Structure formats: structure tokens, C-alpha cells
Protein backbone atom coordinates (compact mmCIF):
# COMPACT_ATOMS: atom_id res chain seq x y z
CA MET A 1 116.64 131.43 80.71
CA THR A 2 114.47 128.44 80.80
CA PRO A 3 110.60 129.45 82.13
CA GLY A 4 110.58 128.20 86.12
CA GLN A 5 114.27 128.54 86.11
CA ALA A 6 115.49 131.62 88.45
CA ASP A 7 119.12 133.48 87.05
CA ASP A 8 121.23 131.60 89.15
CA GLY A 9 120.04 128.44 87.51
CA GLU A 10 117.68 126.89 89.86
CA PHE A 11 114.67 125.97 89.42
CA ASP A 12 111.78 127.58 91.71
CA ASP A 13 107.74 126.80 91.81
CA GLU A 14 106.73 129.99 89.48
CA PRO A 15 104.51 128.57 87.04
CA PHE A 16 105.17 129.28 83.48
CA ASP A 17 104.97 132.35 81.19
CA LEU A 18 100.98 131.67 79.54
CA GLU A 19 101.84 133.88 76.88
CA ALA A 20 105.28 133.29 76.11
CA VAL A 21 104.50 129.37 75.90
CA ALA A 22 101.76 130.39 73.28
CA GLN A 23 104.56 132.28 71.92
CA GLY A 24 106.45 129.18 71.15
CA VAL A 25 109.15 129.34 74.04
CA TRP A 26 109.07 125.60 74.15
CA LEU A 27 108.96 125.19 70.43
CA PRO A 28 110.35 123.20 68.59
CA SER A 29 111.23 120.19 70.79
CA ARG A 30 114.49 119.48 71.73
CA TYR A 31 113.94 116.05 69.45
CA GLY A 32 111.98 118.47 66.23
CA PRO A 33 109.39 119.91 65.31
CA ASP A 34 107.56 116.53 63.58
CA ASP A 35 108.83 113.90 66.73
CA GLN A 36 106.27 112.16 68.55
CA ARG A 37 108.51 110.37 70.73
CA GLY A 38 110.11 113.01 73.44
CA THR A 39 112.38 111.38 75.33
CA TYR A 40 111.50 108.16 74.62
CA ASN A 41 114.06 109.08 72.04
CA GLU A 42 117.06 109.07 74.93
CA VAL A 43 116.21 105.30 74.76
CA THR A 44 118.51 104.34 72.37
CA PRO A 45 120.18 100.62 70.86
CA LYS A 46 122.64 102.09 73.18
CA LYS A 47 120.65 102.70 76.17
CA THR A 48 119.58 99.34 76.66
CA ALA A 49 122.70 97.55 76.32
CA GLU A 50 124.03 99.80 79.02
CA SER A 51 121.21 99.34 80.96
CA LEU A 52 121.04 95.19 80.71
CA ALA A 53 124.60 95.30 81.51
CA ARG A 54 123.89 96.62 84.60
CA LEU A 55 122.92 93.10 85.68
CA ASP A 56 125.50 90.86 87.37
CA PHE A 57 124.24 87.63 85.39
CA SER A 58 126.40 85.04 87.61
CA ARG A 59 123.66 86.15 90.22
CA PRO A 60 120.24 85.43 90.38
CA VAL A 61 117.84 88.29 88.57
CA GLU A 62 114.22 88.69 90.03
CA THR A 63 111.54 89.93 87.84
CA TYR A 64 108.77 92.65 89.83
CA ASP A 65 105.50 93.65 89.12
CA LEU A 66 105.39 97.01 89.28
CA SER A 67 101.42 97.34 88.39
CA GLU A 68 98.57 97.62 91.24
CA THR A 69 95.92 94.70 90.51
CA LEU A 70 92.84 96.14 88.80
CA PHE A 71 89.71 94.69 90.66
CA ASN A 72 85.96 96.09 89.37
CA GLY A 73 85.33 99.48 91.90
CA PHE A 74 88.83 100.19 91.54
CA PRO A 75 89.23 103.69 92.94
CA ALA A 76 89.81 105.96 89.75
CA ASN A 77 88.72 109.76 89.50
CA GLY A 78 86.07 110.89 87.89
CA ASP A 79 83.65 109.27 85.18
CA ARG A 80 86.50 106.32 84.98
CA ASP A 81 85.39 102.80 85.77
CA TYR A 82 86.68 99.17 85.68
CA GLU A 83 84.15 96.44 84.80
CA GLN A 84 85.00 92.83 83.97
CA THR A 85 82.74 90.57 83.64
CA LEU A 86 83.09 86.79 82.88
CA SER A 87 81.99 84.93 79.87
CA VAL A 88 81.14 81.59 80.31
CA LEU A 89 80.71 78.76 77.20
CA GLY A 90 79.88 75.05 77.30
CA PHE A 91 78.69 74.83 81.14
CA THR A 92 76.25 75.38 83.38
CA PRO A 93 77.54 77.64 85.87
CA ALA A 94 76.20 77.76 89.62
CA ASP A 95 73.13 79.48 90.39
CA ASP A 96 75.02 82.93 92.21
CA PHE A 97 76.60 83.81 88.48
CA GLU A 98 75.64 86.82 87.09
CA GLY A 99 77.73 86.84 83.98
CA ILE A 100 77.61 86.19 80.32
CA CYS A 101 76.39 82.71 79.40
CA PRO A 102 76.00 82.35 75.43
CA ASP A 103 75.33 78.76 75.37
CA THR A 104 75.14 75.69 77.95
CA GLU A 105 76.22 73.30 75.46
CA PRO A 106 79.52 71.43 75.30
CA LEU A 107 81.57 72.41 72.30
CA GLY A 108 82.05 69.08 69.55
CA PRO A 109 82.33 65.53 70.20
CA TRP A 110 85.48 66.77 72.86
CA LEU A 111 82.81 68.54 74.97
CA GLY A 112 84.87 71.63 74.73
CA CYS A 113 84.31 74.54 77.07
CA ALA A 114 86.03 78.32 77.49
CA LEU A 115 85.86 81.45 79.61
CA GLU A 116 86.52 84.49 79.10
CA GLU A 117 86.65 88.14 80.39
CA ARG A 118 84.66 91.68 79.17
CA VAL A 119 86.35 94.56 79.69
CA SER A 120 85.18 98.33 79.68
CA TYR A 121 87.44 100.80 81.23
CA THR A 122 90.19 103.41 80.24
CA TYR A 123 93.60 103.07 79.61
CA ASN A 124 94.26 105.85 81.99
CA MET A 125 93.64 104.13 85.14
CA GLY A 126 95.14 102.00 88.01
CA THR A 127 98.76 101.46 86.86
CA LYS A 128 99.29 103.59 83.81
CA ILE A 129 102.10 105.77 81.91
CA ASN A 130 100.57 108.87 80.56
CA GLY A 131 101.04 109.58 76.71
CA LEU A 132 102.06 113.06 75.69
CA GLN A 133 98.90 114.23 74.48
CA HIS A 134 97.23 113.60 77.85
CA VAL A 135 97.72 117.24 79.51
CA GLY A 136 98.05 119.91 77.23
CA ILE A 137 97.61 123.83 77.49
CA ALA A 138 95.15 126.00 75.41
CA GLY A 139 94.53 123.19 73.56
CA LYS A 140 97.84 122.82 72.17
CA PHE A 141 100.36 119.42 73.26
CA TYR A 142 103.71 118.48 72.96
CA ASN A 143 105.76 119.94 70.58
CA GLY A 144 102.93 122.22 69.73
CA VAL A 145 100.38 119.43 68.49
CA ASP A 146 96.87 121.22 68.09
CA GLY A 147 94.04 119.42 69.74
CA ILE A 148 91.79 120.63 67.37
CA GLU A 149 93.54 119.10 64.60
CA ILE A 150 94.18 115.46 65.83
CA ALA A 151 91.15 114.96 68.43
CA LYS A 152 88.69 112.66 66.62
CA THR A 153 86.02 110.39 67.61
CA TRP A 154 88.11 106.82 67.75
CA GLY A 155 91.49 108.74 69.07
CA THR A 156 94.62 110.96 68.34
CA THR A 157 96.00 111.12 64.49
CA GLN A 158 99.08 112.15 66.56
CA LEU A 159 101.10 111.06 69.62
CA GLY A 160 99.09 108.02 70.05
CA GLN A 161 100.63 104.86 71.41
CA GLU A 162 100.97 103.30 68.07
CA THR A 163 103.52 105.98 67.46
CA GLN A 164 105.68 105.15 71.27
CA GLY A 165 107.19 101.80 70.53
CA PRO A 166 107.98 99.46 74.06
CA ILE A 167 111.52 101.00 75.76
CA VAL A 168 113.97 98.48 78.20
CA THR A 169 115.84 101.14 79.83
CA ARG A 170 117.54 101.89 83.51
CA GLY A 171 115.35 102.67 86.10
CA VAL A 172 116.05 104.21 89.83
CA LEU A 173 114.47 104.32 92.42
CA VAL A 174 113.71 107.30 94.91
CA ASP A 175 112.68 105.89 98.10
CA VAL A 176 111.60 109.05 100.01
CA LEU A 177 109.61 107.20 102.40
CA GLY A 178 112.23 104.64 103.01
CA LEU A 179 114.20 107.75 104.24
CA LYS A 180 112.14 109.41 106.49
CA VAL A 181 111.98 106.02 108.22
CA ALA A 182 115.19 105.10 108.19
CA ALA A 183 115.71 108.73 110.19
CA SER A 184 112.91 108.08 112.37
CA GLU A 185 111.33 111.60 110.99
CA GLU A 186 108.24 110.67 112.49
CA GLY A 187 106.60 114.50 111.39
CA ASP A 188 107.15 113.55 107.78
CA LEU A 189 105.13 109.92 108.60
CA GLU A 190 101.85 108.44 109.32
CA ARG A 191 100.69 105.46 110.88
CA LEU A 192 98.20 103.45 109.59
CA SER A 193 95.57 100.72 111.16
CA ASN A 194 97.05 97.85 109.04
CA GLY A 195 100.90 98.71 110.78
CA ARG A 196 102.24 99.89 107.51
CA VAL A 197 103.67 103.36 107.00
CA MET A 198 103.37 106.11 104.79
CA LEU A 199 104.35 110.08 104.11
CA ARG A 200 101.96 112.28 105.97
CA GLU A 201 99.25 113.70 103.65
CA GLY A 202 100.67 116.75 101.98
CA TYR A 203 104.13 115.98 102.69
CA ARG A 204 106.01 117.73 99.52
CA ILE A 205 108.60 115.39 98.31
CA THR A 206 111.92 117.62 97.62
CA VAL A 207 115.18 117.97 95.72
CA GLU A 208 117.04 117.55 99.14
CA ASP A 209 115.08 114.84 99.81
CA ILE A 210 115.53 113.36 96.24
CA VAL A 211 119.49 113.75 96.86
CA ALA A 212 119.46 112.14 100.18
CA ALA A 213 117.39 109.49 99.28
CA LEU A 214 119.93 108.73 96.55
CA GLU A 215 122.83 108.70 99.53
CA ARG A 216 121.23 106.72 101.15
CA GLN A 217 120.70 103.89 98.52
CA ASP A 218 124.05 104.31 97.59
CA VAL A 219 123.12 105.03 94.09
CA THR A 220 126.49 106.53 92.77
CA ASP A 221 125.19 106.95 88.98
CA PRO A 222 123.09 110.45 88.26
CA ILE A 223 120.18 110.54 87.01
CA GLY A 224 121.04 110.97 83.27
CA PRO A 225 118.65 111.10 80.15
CA GLY A 226 116.57 107.59 79.15
CA ASP A 227 116.13 106.37 82.52
CA VAL A 228 112.78 106.30 84.40
CA VAL A 229 112.40 107.14 88.13
CA LEU A 230 110.60 105.90 90.72
CA LEU A 231 109.21 108.16 93.84
CA ARG A 232 108.21 106.22 96.60
CA SER A 233 105.73 107.62 99.24
CA GLY A 234 103.42 104.83 101.00
CA TRP A 235 100.29 106.38 99.41
CA ARG A 236 99.15 103.35 97.62
CA GLU A 237 98.53 102.04 101.21
CA LEU A 238 95.39 103.39 100.76
CA LEU A 239 94.04 101.76 97.96
CA GLU A 240 92.70 99.27 99.46
CA LEU A 241 92.47 100.31 103.49
CA ASP A 242 90.81 103.78 102.72
CA PRO A 243 89.87 103.99 98.88
CA VAL A 244 87.59 107.14 99.21
CA ARG A 245 91.22 109.05 101.16
CA TYR A 246 93.13 107.30 98.36
CA LEU A 247 91.34 109.89 95.71
CA GLU A 248 90.44 112.43 97.85
CA GLY A 249 93.37 113.14 100.12
CA ARG A 250 95.90 115.83 99.23
CA GLN A 251 98.50 112.71 98.44
CA SER A 252 102.40 113.30 98.76
CA GLY A 253 104.26 113.87 95.35
CA PRO A 254 106.42 116.35 94.12
CA GLY A 255 106.13 120.07 93.77
CA LEU A 256 106.86 121.84 90.50
CA ARG A 257 110.44 122.61 91.37
CA GLU A 258 111.00 118.85 91.73
CA CYS A 259 109.44 118.15 88.68
CA ARG A 260 111.32 120.96 86.75
CA TRP A 261 114.12 119.78 88.34
CA LEU A 262 114.36 115.91 87.26
CA ALA A 263 112.34 116.63 84.13
CA SER A 264 115.51 118.69 83.20
CA LYS A 265 117.79 115.15 83.04
CA ARG A 266 115.38 114.02 80.35
CA PRO A 267 114.10 110.36 82.38
CA ALA A 268 111.54 108.66 79.93
CA ILE A 269 109.25 109.16 82.53
CA ILE A 270 109.04 110.31 85.83
CA GLY A 271 106.50 107.95 88.26
CA VAL A 272 104.80 107.81 91.57
CA ASP A 273 103.44 105.42 93.49
CA SER A 274 99.82 108.02 94.07
CA TRP A 275 96.90 108.00 91.61
CA PHE A 276 97.51 111.41 90.72
CA PHE A 277 100.96 113.31 89.92
CA GLY A 278 102.24 116.20 92.04
CA VAL A 279 101.67 117.88 95.12
CA GLY A 280 99.64 120.93 95.14
CA ILE A 281 101.94 123.97 95.85
CA ASP A 282 101.77 127.05 98.44
CA ASP A 283 98.37 128.75 97.01
CA LEU A 284 98.55 127.29 94.08
CA PRO A 285 94.91 126.14 93.64
CA THR A 286 95.90 123.05 91.61
CA THR A 287 99.22 119.98 90.37
CA LEU A 288 98.01 120.26 86.72
CA LEU A 289 101.20 122.90 86.03
CA CYS A 290 103.80 119.40 86.95
CA HIS A 291 101.40 117.60 84.81
CA GLN A 292 101.50 120.38 81.64
CA GLU A 293 105.54 121.09 82.63
CA VAL A 294 106.77 117.80 82.38
CA ALA A 295 104.82 116.69 79.11
CA VAL A 296 104.43 119.66 77.09
CA HIS A 297 107.77 121.53 78.07
CA TYR A 298 110.10 118.64 78.18
CA GLY A 299 108.54 115.93 76.68
CA VAL A 300 108.25 113.41 79.53
CA ARG A 301 106.01 110.92 80.38
CA VAL A 302 104.59 110.44 84.38
CA GLY A 303 103.68 107.27 85.34
CA GLU A 304 101.28 106.77 88.16
CA ALA A 305 100.47 104.26 90.75
CA ILE A 306 103.41 102.36 89.88
CA CYS A 307 103.59 99.84 93.04
CA SER A 308 108.31 99.95 93.80
CA ASP A 309 106.91 98.55 97.29
CA ARG A 310 108.92 94.93 96.74
CA LEU A 311 112.20 96.98 94.99
CA ALA A 312 112.33 98.93 98.18
CA GLU A 313 112.00 95.85 100.43
CA ASP A 314 114.83 93.75 98.43
CA GLY A 315 116.95 97.09 98.21
CA VAL A 316 116.90 97.03 94.42
CA TYR A 317 117.68 101.00 93.89
CA ASP A 318 118.99 100.27 90.10
CA PHE A 319 117.32 98.49 87.98
CA VAL A 320 116.29 97.50 84.74
CA PHE A 321 112.92 99.05 83.41
CA PHE A 322 110.72 97.02 80.88
CA SER A 323 106.92 98.90 79.50
CA SER A 324 104.79 98.08 76.75
CA GLY A 325 102.32 100.35 75.85
CA GLN A 326 98.86 99.40 74.02
CA ASN A 327 99.35 98.94 70.34
CA ALA A 328 96.12 101.07 69.99
CA ARG A 329 95.53 103.66 67.56
CA GLY A 330 95.03 107.16 68.91
CA ALA A 331 94.94 105.52 72.33
CA VAL A 332 96.15 108.57 74.97
CA SER A 333 97.92 105.75 77.72
CA CYS A 334 98.47 102.95 78.43
CA ASN A 335 98.16 100.31 81.52
CA THR A 336 100.19 97.48 80.49
CA PRO A 337 102.31 96.42 83.53
CA PRO A 338 105.98 97.80 83.58
CA ILE A 339 108.22 95.64 85.00
CA ALA A 340 111.55 95.71 86.35
CA MET A 341 114.59 93.10 86.30
CA GLY A 342 117.23 93.61 89.39
CA GLN A 343 118.76 91.73 92.02
CA PRO A 344 118.09 92.28 95.74
CA ALA A 345 120.75 93.38 98.18
CA ALA A 346 123.02 90.42 99.68
């Protein structure tokens, strides 16, 4: 029996047995003792071909940007910060310009000029997909990788973004917000000052919600290995409307049972539209358990702040998902914008 699974095979909210995990109950991974890619291994060339074949190329195909727009002051946890500064070369900027200007003289006989940005930030903010070494248990990470052995000043010697590669696979949107709106379940919703709506603060997305949303969306093919699953709660509405609450409020999301249920299907990524994955469970003090279970146990990546509103608005629930992380040696997470290709409902 898998820890976190009851005798009847159903998943539950019981925290994992720390002693059993320390003794190696989750080892080796399904993909072998030396694996670094987890469920990305499920995105095979055959899986990619099957995913692309879901598109009807006799009809127009829409491309969707699934990322939030980064800006100076983007709300981020802890000491994470995004700061972009413009560098001007070859002309004199306006008096109120406070960026970088190394030289105002035009370049060469054809009077060239240039603009360039300087950016300071972490890959783990905004829309992001966390690497399998982002969250661990007692100093160990996915597949038993020891943090002491891999942590170097410049990054990690294993599980880095350079080992992951791009993926093209099937994506599935689970529009729980749309489900609740369609059913007029006002007790599960909050109406915001901008006229938009989101799941109420702290709402737990249940397995039953996920199943019901997929039925409402007429997604008949089950979630399977290598798929990307995106959960829509509407929490992203607070990003600019109330950035303090966006970070400090108790966001809606899946609980431990739901994370286990989804991860057991071996998706490549489980993504949410809030800045943090998971929701508090009863009296448990942290949602970190969801991260730990999904990444360390199952080798499934967590995606956060993935914007799925346009997919929902167009009724695109089954689509092709593309992601290519930063090809940066030893980097933990990536925030290169993921995209989707799909066909709006007729």
C-alpha cells in the first residue's frame, strides 16, 4: 500500500510516514535509481505525436500565452524580487530617465543606437514550473538525491534545468471556477470589486470537483501519463487588484488527497493559477506537504501562477501544451512562458 493511501485504495490526507520515507520507501523512482526527469519521461515522441494529433488542422488553431506579465514590484514571496532596468545607448534619454546610459554618442557613421534591459530576479517567481529539487524532505530530494552533495554556490549538480529538456504534450484544463459559476454555487465563490469572480478564500478543490468539472467540459479521455493538468480557481484576479492579499490570503487549491490522486496518474505537471500550490488541510500547519508528496514521491512538477483564463473563456479544455525551461546549468525552477495551442469551441 502506498503511504497516503487507505486500505481500500482511496487516497487520504494523512501526512506521509517520515521514518518510512527516510528509510527509502519511495526509492527508487519508477524511472530508475539514476533518473533526474521524473514524469517528464512520460512525454515520449509517441505521446507528443498523439497530443498534436488532437488538433483538427482543417480548422484554425489559436495560440495561448499561459504566463503572467512580470513587472517591477510583482508580488513575490520572501526576498524574491523582480527589477528590470533599461539601458540606453547612442542617444540622450528624457530628463526623467533614471536607468542606465553608458554613452549618448551615436554609434558609427550610420548613427546607430540601442536599447537593452538589465534584469535581476529569480526563476522561481511569476509563472513558473518548479524543478524536482525545489522542495525536499530532511535534506533529500526526488529519487533520494542528497542536497549536501548537489548544492553548489552556482546551482545544483543534479536535477538542474539543463537536464530536463522541452516538452510538447497534452494539456487538460480543469475549470473548477467555471463549474461553480455554472452551478450558481455562490457559497463557494467571491465577487470582487472589478466585477470578476473567484473561488472563495481557502476553498479546497476536491477530487469530486475535478471529476465534475471534467464531465461538465465534456473531457472524456481520462488524465493520463505525461499530461499537463491545470486547475483554475480565479485567484489570479488578486494579482493587481489586491497584491497583498494575493500573497497573504489563504488561496484556494487542491488538498493533499487531491494532489496524491492527480500525481498517481503520472502527469508531467500539475499547475495552479495562484502563486502557491496546495491549500491548508484542517489543522495541518502547512501546505508544503502537497509539494513534497507530488515532487519527492511521484516525480511530478508543480506549476504556479499559470494563467488559464483565456483557455476557459474560449472553452478550450483539451489542448497541446508546450514548455521549454531555462537551459541554465544547475537552475532549480523555470519561468519561461508556457504556451498552449487549441481550438475554441464552435
